Amino acid sequence: MPIMAAQDKNDARSAARLLARIAKEAIANPDLAPGRAVALNNVYRLLEAYRANPFFGSDQSQEETAQAAAGKLTLGVPKERYIGEVRAALESAVSATFESRSKQQAIEIIERVLRSVAYPSDEGEKPSSEDRQRAVRFFDTLHKQLNIA
């Protein structure tokens, strides 16, 4: 269980919101990126889970047997609390930032920007300044969508 899940006030929304803020800051100011490589890798993993897993954030089937439900009883906080809201925020940010592009294309652009920021010395396709600006807008929109009171 992640450490943050032990605190009642923390959930998937706050973790994604924090990652979005860190990514936005690192893309806008690449000098910050070397100290944030771990967080940027976690942003990448979040985007990959969203892009590659069609069940990311979907509700589990309501039809569970009593035995399976009893096996899930725990005193801990559920690990994936509010993951559906994270999915909705990601979808909203993609559609707001990349109107004419597919989810796949949008995530590939964002991931390319993240790679170039986290590992600037790597050889590979460098993102355009327009792609960098879109990535900043994407993370800004995501951050705002996940703003919880």
Protein backbone atom coordinates (compact mmCIF):
# COMPACT_ATOMS: atom_id res chain seq x y z
CA MET A 1 0.00 0.00 0.00
CA PRO A 2 1.40 3.42 -0.87
CA ILE A 3 2.31 5.61 2.08
CA MET A 4 -0.06 8.35 0.94
CA ALA A 5 -3.00 5.95 1.12
CA ALA A 6 -2.58 5.72 4.89
CA GLN A 7 -3.77 9.31 5.27
CA ASP A 8 -7.54 9.71 4.95
CA LYS A 9 -7.29 13.03 3.13
CA ASN A 10 -5.09 11.64 0.35
CA ASP A 11 -6.42 9.73 -2.59
CA ALA A 12 -5.78 9.16 -6.30
CA ARG A 13 -7.01 12.66 -7.14
CA SER A 14 -4.52 14.40 -4.88
CA ALA A 15 -1.66 12.20 -6.10
CA ALA A 16 -2.52 12.90 -9.76
CA ARG A 17 -2.94 16.60 -8.99
CA LEU A 18 0.51 16.74 -7.40
CA LEU A 19 2.06 14.90 -10.35
CA ALA A 20 0.34 17.27 -12.81
CA ARG A 21 1.71 20.30 -10.97
CA ILE A 22 5.24 18.89 -10.90
CA ALA A 23 5.10 18.00 -14.61
CA LYS A 24 3.76 21.45 -15.55
CA GLU A 25 6.52 23.17 -13.56
CA ALA A 26 9.27 20.93 -14.98
CA ILE A 27 8.15 21.45 -18.58
CA ALA A 28 7.82 25.20 -18.10
CA ASN A 29 11.21 25.38 -16.36
CA PRO A 30 13.47 22.47 -17.49
CA ASP A 31 16.14 23.44 -14.93
CA LEU A 32 13.84 21.96 -12.27
CA ALA A 33 13.54 18.60 -14.05
CA PRO A 34 16.73 16.82 -12.90
CA GLY A 35 15.55 16.88 -9.29
CA ARG A 36 12.11 15.67 -10.31
CA ALA A 37 12.97 12.72 -12.54
CA VAL A 38 11.21 10.22 -10.25
CA ALA A 39 8.00 12.26 -10.24
CA LEU A 40 8.17 12.69 -14.03
CA ASN A 41 8.56 8.93 -14.41
CA ASN A 42 5.46 8.48 -12.24
CA VAL A 43 3.55 10.93 -14.45
CA TYR A 44 4.65 8.84 -17.43
CA ARG A 45 3.39 5.67 -15.73
CA LEU A 46 0.04 7.31 -14.96
CA LEU A 47 -0.36 8.35 -18.61
CA GLU A 48 0.62 4.88 -19.82
CA ALA A 49 -1.94 3.26 -17.51
CA TYR A 50 -4.60 5.62 -18.83
CA ARG A 51 -3.61 5.10 -22.48
CA ALA A 52 -3.01 1.36 -22.46
CA ASN A 53 -5.54 0.02 -19.95
CA PRO A 54 -9.13 0.24 -21.18
CA PHE A 55 -10.34 -0.54 -17.64
CA PHE A 56 -8.35 2.27 -15.98
CA GLY A 57 -10.75 4.02 -13.64
CA SER A 58 -13.82 1.98 -14.52
CA ASP A 59 -16.07 0.68 -11.80
CA GLN A 60 -15.72 -2.94 -10.91
CA SER A 61 -18.65 -5.23 -11.47
CA GLN A 62 -21.34 -4.86 -8.85
CA GLU A 63 -22.03 -8.59 -8.98
CA GLU A 64 -19.59 -10.04 -6.48
CA THR A 65 -20.17 -13.14 -4.50
CA ALA A 66 -20.48 -12.81 -0.74
CA GLN A 67 -17.25 -14.74 -0.33
CA ALA A 68 -15.28 -12.46 -2.66
CA ALA A 69 -16.72 -9.38 -0.94
CA ALA A 70 -15.82 -10.76 2.48
CA GLY A 71 -12.27 -11.35 1.27
CA LYS A 72 -11.98 -7.67 0.45
CA LEU A 73 -12.86 -6.50 3.95
CA THR A 74 -10.01 -4.52 5.41
CA LEU A 75 -9.40 -1.82 7.92
CA GLY A 76 -7.22 0.06 5.44
CA VAL A 77 -8.17 2.73 2.96
CA PRO A 78 -8.84 1.50 -0.59
CA LYS A 79 -5.78 2.00 -2.80
CA GLU A 80 -7.67 3.15 -5.86
CA ARG A 81 -9.98 5.66 -4.25
CA TYR A 82 -11.38 8.13 -6.80
CA ILE A 83 -9.46 6.67 -9.75
CA GLY A 84 -12.60 7.11 -11.88
CA GLU A 85 -12.42 10.85 -11.26
CA VAL A 86 -8.76 10.84 -12.32
CA ARG A 87 -9.77 9.11 -15.55
CA ALA A 88 -12.51 11.69 -16.18
CA ALA A 89 -10.06 14.53 -15.52
CA LEU A 90 -7.52 13.00 -17.91
CA GLU A 91 -10.17 12.62 -20.62
CA SER A 92 -11.30 16.20 -20.12
CA ALA A 93 -7.74 17.53 -20.27
CA VAL A 94 -6.98 15.55 -23.45
CA SER A 95 -10.11 16.77 -25.21
CA ALA A 96 -9.58 20.39 -24.09
CA THR A 97 -5.93 20.49 -25.13
CA PHE A 98 -5.82 18.19 -28.16
CA GLU A 99 -9.18 18.82 -29.83
CA SER A 100 -8.39 17.25 -33.21
CA ARG A 101 -6.12 14.43 -32.02
CA SER A 102 -6.90 10.99 -30.71
CA LYS A 103 -6.19 10.01 -27.12
CA GLN A 104 -3.33 7.86 -28.38
CA GLN A 105 -1.71 10.73 -30.30
CA ALA A 106 -2.18 13.17 -27.43
CA ILE A 107 -0.58 10.87 -24.85
CA GLU A 108 2.33 10.10 -27.19
CA ILE A 109 3.02 13.83 -27.59
CA ILE A 110 2.87 14.42 -23.84
CA GLU A 111 5.12 11.44 -23.16
CA ARG A 112 7.65 12.67 -25.73
CA VAL A 113 7.71 16.05 -23.97
CA LEU A 114 8.15 14.36 -20.58
CA ARG A 115 11.04 12.22 -21.88
CA SER A 116 12.79 15.26 -23.34
CA VAL A 117 12.46 17.14 -20.05
CA ALA A 118 13.42 14.27 -17.76
CA TYR A 119 16.29 13.06 -19.96
CA PRO A 120 17.48 16.03 -22.07
CA SER A 121 20.72 14.34 -23.13
CA ASP A 122 18.96 11.33 -24.70
CA GLU A 123 19.03 11.07 -28.45
CA GLY A 124 15.59 10.94 -29.91
CA GLU A 125 12.87 12.99 -31.43
CA LYS A 126 12.66 16.33 -29.65
CA PRO A 127 9.21 17.84 -29.22
CA SER A 128 8.34 21.11 -30.90
CA SER A 129 7.75 24.25 -28.85
CA GLU A 130 4.05 23.91 -29.73
CA ASP A 131 4.01 20.38 -28.27
CA ARG A 132 5.71 21.66 -25.11
CA GLN A 133 3.11 24.43 -24.77
CA ARG A 134 0.30 21.93 -25.27
CA ALA A 135 1.79 19.66 -22.62
CA VAL A 136 1.91 22.58 -20.18
CA ARG A 137 -1.73 23.40 -21.00
CA PHE A 138 -2.67 19.73 -20.60
CA PHE A 139 -1.13 19.51 -17.13
CA ASP A 140 -2.58 22.88 -16.15
CA THR A 141 -6.06 21.72 -17.21
CA LEU A 142 -5.58 18.38 -15.44
CA HIS A 143 -4.42 20.15 -12.29
CA LYS A 144 -7.51 22.39 -12.34
CA GLN A 145 -9.84 19.44 -13.03
CA LEU A 146 -8.46 17.63 -9.99
CA ASN A 147 -8.75 20.64 -7.72
CA ILE A 148 -10.52 19.24 -4.70
CA ALA A 149 -11.62 21.28 -1.75
